[in-house]
């Protein structure tokens, strides 16, 4: 799979925030970020921890947000949601890995966290 991954944009923060709000569990992202920050990790290790924890959280709740996740990730990968949903597992992992490599996920997740903060 040789998919062109675009950089995350401001609109992606809002789209991802909407996905999290659908889960009605606004504290999850804040808890993930807080835990990573408390561990005094290097920036790259924080990003890996964010990604792993958020991916697990999304997978646990996929039945509620599956179409939204396909739409979100397909847009970043330059695909249709239907094509994205039919990816082989290896291609899916590669796209998610590329998204992480091409973007500052710490800043992205921090921005999403602020938008989903109920305070």
N, C-alpha and C. Protein backbone atom coordinates (compact mmCIF):
# COMPACT_ATOMS: atom_id res chain seq x y z
N UNK A 1 0.86 -1.18 0.00
CA UNK A 1 0.00 0.00 0.00
C UNK A 1 0.89 1.22 0.00
N UNK A 2 0.67 2.11 -0.92
CA UNK A 2 1.47 3.33 -1.02
C UNK A 2 0.54 4.53 -1.00
N UNK A 3 -0.06 4.75 0.16
CA UNK A 3 -1.04 5.82 0.30
C UNK A 3 -0.36 7.11 0.71
N UNK A 4 -0.81 8.21 0.13
CA UNK A 4 -0.28 9.54 0.45
C UNK A 4 -1.04 10.08 1.66
N UNK A 5 -0.35 10.24 2.76
CA UNK A 5 -0.96 10.72 3.99
C UNK A 5 -0.80 12.23 4.05
N UNK A 6 -1.90 12.94 4.27
CA UNK A 6 -1.80 14.39 4.39
C UNK A 6 -1.55 14.77 5.85
N UNK A 7 -1.08 15.97 6.04
CA UNK A 7 -0.86 16.51 7.37
C UNK A 7 -2.21 16.76 8.04
N UNK A 8 -2.23 16.60 9.35
CA UNK A 8 -3.43 16.93 10.11
C UNK A 8 -3.67 18.43 10.05
N UNK A 9 -4.93 18.81 10.00
CA UNK A 9 -5.33 20.22 9.90
C UNK A 9 -6.26 20.57 11.06
N UNK A 10 -6.55 21.84 11.19
CA UNK A 10 -7.45 22.30 12.26
C UNK A 10 -8.78 21.56 12.21
N UNK A 11 -9.30 21.34 11.02
CA UNK A 11 -10.61 20.67 10.91
C UNK A 11 -10.57 19.27 11.50
N UNK A 12 -9.40 18.64 11.48
CA UNK A 12 -9.28 17.29 12.02
C UNK A 12 -9.44 17.28 13.54
N UNK A 13 -9.00 18.34 14.18
CA UNK A 13 -9.16 18.45 15.64
C UNK A 13 -10.64 18.42 15.98
N UNK A 14 -11.43 19.18 15.24
CA UNK A 14 -12.86 19.25 15.51
C UNK A 14 -13.56 17.93 15.18
N UNK A 15 -13.16 17.31 14.08
CA UNK A 15 -13.75 16.02 13.71
C UNK A 15 -13.46 14.96 14.78
N UNK A 16 -12.21 14.92 15.24
CA UNK A 16 -11.83 13.93 16.24
C UNK A 16 -12.53 14.21 17.57
N UNK A 17 -12.68 15.48 17.91
CA UNK A 17 -13.39 15.86 19.14
C UNK A 17 -14.84 15.38 19.09
N UNK A 18 -15.47 15.50 17.93
CA UNK A 18 -16.85 15.04 17.78
C UNK A 18 -16.96 13.53 17.97
N UNK A 19 -15.96 12.81 17.47
CA UNK A 19 -15.94 11.35 17.65
C UNK A 19 -15.88 11.03 19.14
N UNK A 20 -14.99 11.68 19.87
CA UNK A 20 -14.87 11.42 21.30
C UNK A 20 -16.13 11.82 22.06
N UNK A 21 -16.72 12.92 21.68
CA UNK A 21 -17.95 13.37 22.35
C UNK A 21 -19.10 12.39 22.14
N UNK A 22 -19.12 11.73 20.99
CA UNK A 22 -20.15 10.72 20.74
C UNK A 22 -20.08 9.60 21.76
N UNK A 23 -18.88 9.36 22.26
CA UNK A 23 -18.70 8.29 23.23
C UNK A 23 -19.17 8.70 24.62
N UNK A 24 -19.43 9.99 24.80
CA UNK A 24 -19.92 10.51 26.07
C UNK A 24 -18.98 10.17 27.22
N UNK A 25 -17.69 10.16 26.93
CA UNK A 25 -16.67 9.85 27.93
C UNK A 25 -15.56 10.87 27.77
N UNK A 26 -15.83 12.09 28.14
CA UNK A 26 -14.94 13.20 27.85
C UNK A 26 -13.64 13.17 28.62
N UNK A 27 -13.58 12.43 29.70
CA UNK A 27 -12.37 12.43 30.52
C UNK A 27 -11.31 11.45 30.02
N UNK A 28 -11.67 10.56 29.12
CA UNK A 28 -10.72 9.53 28.68
C UNK A 28 -9.46 10.12 28.07
N UNK A 29 -9.61 11.05 27.16
CA UNK A 29 -8.44 11.64 26.50
C UNK A 29 -7.60 12.43 27.50
N UNK A 30 -8.25 13.18 28.37
CA UNK A 30 -7.51 13.94 29.38
C UNK A 30 -6.72 12.99 30.28
N UNK A 31 -7.31 11.86 30.65
CA UNK A 31 -6.62 10.89 31.50
C UNK A 31 -5.43 10.27 30.78
N UNK A 32 -5.57 9.99 29.51
CA UNK A 32 -4.47 9.43 28.73
C UNK A 32 -3.31 10.43 28.67
N UNK A 33 -3.62 11.69 28.38
CA UNK A 33 -2.58 12.72 28.29
C UNK A 33 -1.94 12.95 29.66
N UNK A 34 -2.74 13.01 30.70
CA UNK A 34 -2.21 13.22 32.05
C UNK A 34 -1.27 12.09 32.44
N UNK A 35 -1.66 10.86 32.17
CA UNK A 35 -0.82 9.70 32.49
C UNK A 35 0.51 9.76 31.75
N UNK A 36 0.46 10.09 30.46
CA UNK A 36 1.69 10.17 29.67
C UNK A 36 2.59 11.28 30.20
N UNK A 37 2.02 12.42 30.55
CA UNK A 37 2.81 13.54 31.05
C UNK A 37 3.43 13.24 32.41
N UNK A 38 2.73 12.49 33.24
CA UNK A 38 3.25 12.14 34.56
C UNK A 38 4.43 11.18 34.49
N UNK A 39 4.56 10.49 33.40
CA UNK A 39 5.62 9.49 33.26
C UNK A 39 6.96 10.09 32.85
N UNK A 40 7.02 11.40 32.64
CA UNK A 40 8.26 12.07 32.24
C UNK A 40 8.94 11.37 31.06
N UNK A 41 8.18 11.09 30.05
CA UNK A 41 8.69 10.41 28.86
C UNK A 41 9.24 11.42 27.86
N UNK A 42 10.12 10.93 27.00
CA UNK A 42 10.56 11.73 25.86
C UNK A 42 9.35 11.96 24.95
N UNK A 43 9.41 13.02 24.14
CA UNK A 43 8.27 13.39 23.30
C UNK A 43 7.81 12.23 22.41
N UNK A 44 8.73 11.54 21.76
CA UNK A 44 8.35 10.43 20.88
C UNK A 44 7.69 9.30 21.66
N UNK A 45 8.17 9.04 22.87
CA UNK A 45 7.56 8.00 23.69
C UNK A 45 6.15 8.40 24.13
N UNK A 46 5.95 9.70 24.40
CA UNK A 46 4.61 10.19 24.74
C UNK A 46 3.66 9.98 23.57
N UNK A 47 4.11 10.32 22.38
CA UNK A 47 3.28 10.16 21.19
C UNK A 47 2.89 8.69 21.01
N UNK A 48 3.85 7.79 21.20
CA UNK A 48 3.55 6.37 21.07
C UNK A 48 2.55 5.92 22.12
N UNK A 49 2.71 6.43 23.35
CA UNK A 49 1.77 6.09 24.41
C UNK A 49 0.39 6.66 24.11
N UNK A 50 0.32 7.93 23.69
CA UNK A 50 -0.97 8.53 23.30
C UNK A 50 -1.64 7.67 22.24
N UNK A 51 -0.90 7.39 21.20
CA UNK A 51 -1.46 6.64 20.08
C UNK A 51 -1.97 5.28 20.50
N UNK A 52 -1.17 4.57 21.27
CA UNK A 52 -1.55 3.23 21.71
C UNK A 52 -2.80 3.28 22.59
N UNK A 53 -2.79 4.17 23.57
CA UNK A 53 -3.92 4.26 24.50
C UNK A 53 -5.19 4.73 23.79
N UNK A 54 -5.07 5.71 22.93
CA UNK A 54 -6.25 6.21 22.22
C UNK A 54 -6.78 5.16 21.26
N UNK A 55 -5.88 4.47 20.57
CA UNK A 55 -6.32 3.41 19.67
C UNK A 55 -7.07 2.32 20.43
N UNK A 56 -6.55 1.93 21.59
CA UNK A 56 -7.25 0.93 22.42
C UNK A 56 -8.62 1.43 22.85
N UNK A 57 -8.67 2.69 23.27
CA UNK A 57 -9.94 3.30 23.68
C UNK A 57 -10.94 3.30 22.53
N UNK A 58 -10.49 3.68 21.35
CA UNK A 58 -11.39 3.70 20.20
C UNK A 58 -11.85 2.30 19.81
N UNK A 59 -10.94 1.34 19.86
CA UNK A 59 -11.30 -0.04 19.52
C UNK A 59 -12.34 -0.58 20.50
N UNK A 60 -12.16 -0.27 21.78
CA UNK A 60 -13.12 -0.72 22.80
C UNK A 60 -14.52 -0.19 22.53
N UNK A 61 -14.60 0.96 21.89
CA UNK A 61 -15.89 1.61 21.66
C UNK A 61 -16.26 1.68 20.18
N UNK A 62 -15.62 0.87 19.38
CA UNK A 62 -15.78 0.97 17.93
C UNK A 62 -17.21 0.77 17.46
N UNK A 63 -17.97 -0.03 18.18
CA UNK A 63 -19.34 -0.26 17.75
C UNK A 63 -20.17 1.03 17.69
N UNK A 64 -19.78 2.02 18.49
CA UNK A 64 -20.51 3.29 18.52
C UNK A 64 -19.99 4.31 17.50
N UNK A 65 -18.76 4.15 17.05
CA UNK A 65 -18.12 5.20 16.24
C UNK A 65 -17.45 4.68 14.97
N UNK A 66 -17.71 3.45 14.61
CA UNK A 66 -16.99 2.82 13.50
C UNK A 66 -17.02 3.66 12.22
N UNK A 67 -18.18 4.07 11.79
CA UNK A 67 -18.29 4.84 10.54
C UNK A 67 -17.56 6.18 10.65
N UNK A 68 -17.64 6.81 11.81
CA UNK A 68 -16.96 8.09 12.02
C UNK A 68 -15.44 7.92 11.93
N UNK A 69 -14.93 6.85 12.50
CA UNK A 69 -13.49 6.59 12.47
C UNK A 69 -13.04 6.32 11.04
N UNK A 70 -13.80 5.52 10.29
CA UNK A 70 -13.46 5.27 8.89
C UNK A 70 -13.42 6.59 8.11
N UNK A 71 -14.43 7.40 8.32
CA UNK A 71 -14.51 8.68 7.60
C UNK A 71 -13.32 9.58 7.96
N UNK A 72 -12.98 9.66 9.23
CA UNK A 72 -11.88 10.49 9.70
C UNK A 72 -10.54 10.03 9.11
N UNK A 73 -10.23 8.75 9.27
CA UNK A 73 -8.94 8.24 8.80
C UNK A 73 -8.88 8.18 7.28
N UNK A 74 -9.99 7.87 6.62
CA UNK A 74 -10.01 7.83 5.15
C UNK A 74 -9.70 9.20 4.57
N UNK A 75 -10.23 10.24 5.19
CA UNK A 75 -9.97 11.60 4.72
C UNK A 75 -8.48 11.92 4.80
N UNK A 76 -7.84 11.54 5.87
CA UNK A 76 -6.40 11.79 6.03
C UNK A 76 -5.59 10.98 5.03
N UNK A 77 -6.07 9.77 4.74
CA UNK A 77 -5.35 8.87 3.82
C UNK A 77 -5.72 9.11 2.36
N UNK A 78 -6.64 10.04 2.08
CA UNK A 78 -7.03 10.31 0.70
C UNK A 78 -7.83 9.18 0.07
N UNK A 79 -8.67 8.55 0.87
CA UNK A 79 -9.46 7.41 0.41
C UNK A 79 -10.93 7.66 0.71
N UNK A 80 -11.78 6.83 0.18
CA UNK A 80 -13.19 6.86 0.58
C UNK A 80 -13.32 6.03 1.86
N UNK A 81 -14.33 6.34 2.68
CA UNK A 81 -14.54 5.53 3.88
C UNK A 81 -14.75 4.04 3.57
N UNK A 82 -15.43 3.77 2.46
CA UNK A 82 -15.66 2.37 2.09
C UNK A 82 -14.34 1.66 1.76
N UNK A 83 -13.48 2.31 0.98
CA UNK A 83 -12.19 1.71 0.65
C UNK A 83 -11.35 1.53 1.92
N UNK A 84 -11.39 2.51 2.80
CA UNK A 84 -10.62 2.42 4.04
C UNK A 84 -11.10 1.26 4.89
N UNK A 85 -12.42 1.08 4.97
CA UNK A 85 -12.97 0.00 5.80
C UNK A 85 -12.62 -1.38 5.27
N UNK A 86 -12.22 -1.47 4.01
CA UNK A 86 -11.87 -2.75 3.41
C UNK A 86 -10.37 -2.99 3.31
N UNK A 87 -9.57 -2.16 3.96
CA UNK A 87 -8.11 -2.34 3.94
C UNK A 87 -7.69 -3.64 4.61
N UNK A 88 -6.63 -4.22 4.11
CA UNK A 88 -6.00 -5.34 4.81
C UNK A 88 -5.42 -4.81 6.11
N UNK A 89 -5.30 -5.64 7.09
CA UNK A 89 -4.80 -5.23 8.40
C UNK A 89 -3.41 -4.60 8.30
N UNK A 90 -2.54 -5.18 7.51
CA UNK A 90 -1.19 -4.64 7.35
C UNK A 90 -1.20 -3.23 6.77
N UNK A 91 -2.08 -2.98 5.81
CA UNK A 91 -2.20 -1.64 5.22
C UNK A 91 -2.76 -0.65 6.23
N UNK A 92 -3.73 -1.09 7.03
CA UNK A 92 -4.30 -0.22 8.06
C UNK A 92 -3.22 0.21 9.05
N UNK A 93 -2.44 -0.74 9.52
CA UNK A 93 -1.37 -0.43 10.47
C UNK A 93 -0.35 0.52 9.85
N UNK A 94 -0.04 0.31 8.59
CA UNK A 94 0.92 1.18 7.89
C UNK A 94 0.40 2.61 7.79
N UNK A 95 -0.87 2.78 7.47
CA UNK A 95 -1.45 4.12 7.37
C UNK A 95 -1.44 4.81 8.72
N UNK A 96 -1.84 4.10 9.76
CA UNK A 96 -1.84 4.71 11.10
C UNK A 96 -0.42 5.07 11.52
N UNK A 97 0.55 4.22 11.19
CA UNK A 97 1.95 4.51 11.50
C UNK A 97 2.42 5.77 10.77
N UNK A 98 2.04 5.90 9.49
CA UNK A 98 2.42 7.08 8.70
C UNK A 98 1.80 8.35 9.26
N UNK A 99 0.54 8.26 9.69
CA UNK A 99 -0.11 9.43 10.28
C UNK A 99 0.69 9.89 11.49
N UNK A 100 1.12 8.96 12.30
CA UNK A 100 1.92 9.29 13.48
C UNK A 100 3.27 9.88 13.13
N UNK A 101 3.89 9.38 12.08
CA UNK A 101 5.21 9.87 11.68
C UNK A 101 5.15 11.25 11.06
N UNK A 102 4.09 11.54 10.35
CA UNK A 102 3.98 12.78 9.58
C UNK A 102 3.43 13.96 10.36
N UNK A 103 3.00 13.74 11.60
CA UNK A 103 2.30 14.79 12.34
C UNK A 103 2.80 14.90 13.77
N UNK A 104 2.57 16.05 14.36
CA UNK A 104 2.85 16.27 15.78
C UNK A 104 1.60 15.84 16.55
N UNK A 105 1.56 14.57 16.91
CA UNK A 105 0.37 14.04 17.56
C UNK A 105 0.20 14.56 18.97
N UNK A 106 1.29 14.90 19.63
CA UNK A 106 1.17 15.48 20.98
C UNK A 106 0.36 16.76 20.94
N UNK A 107 0.68 17.64 20.01
CA UNK A 107 -0.06 18.90 19.88
C UNK A 107 -1.49 18.64 19.44
N UNK A 108 -1.68 17.69 18.53
CA UNK A 108 -3.02 17.36 18.06
C UNK A 108 -3.89 16.87 19.21
N UNK A 109 -3.39 15.89 19.99
CA UNK A 109 -4.18 15.33 21.07
C UNK A 109 -4.39 16.34 22.20
N UNK A 110 -3.42 17.21 22.42
CA UNK A 110 -3.60 18.26 23.43
C UNK A 110 -4.73 19.20 23.02
N UNK A 111 -4.78 19.57 21.74
CA UNK A 111 -5.84 20.45 21.24
C UNK A 111 -7.20 19.77 21.34
N UNK A 112 -7.25 18.50 20.98
CA UNK A 112 -8.50 17.75 21.08
C UNK A 112 -8.95 17.67 22.55
N UNK A 113 -7.99 17.44 23.42
CA UNK A 113 -8.29 17.34 24.85
C UNK A 113 -8.91 18.63 25.38
N UNK A 114 -8.39 19.77 24.96
CA UNK A 114 -8.93 21.06 25.40
C UNK A 114 -10.35 21.25 24.90
N UNK A 115 -10.63 20.79 23.68
CA UNK A 115 -11.98 20.95 23.13
C UNK A 115 -13.00 20.02 23.79
N UNK A 116 -12.54 18.88 24.26
CA UNK A 116 -13.47 17.93 24.87
C UNK A 116 -13.54 18.11 26.37
N UNK A 117 -12.72 18.99 26.92
CA UNK A 117 -12.73 19.25 28.36
C UNK A 117 -14.05 19.92 28.74
N UNK A 118 -14.74 19.34 29.68
CA UNK A 118 -16.06 19.85 30.05
C UNK A 118 -16.01 20.99 31.05
N UNK A 119 -14.84 21.41 31.47
CA UNK A 119 -14.72 22.50 32.46
C UNK A 119 -14.88 23.84 31.81
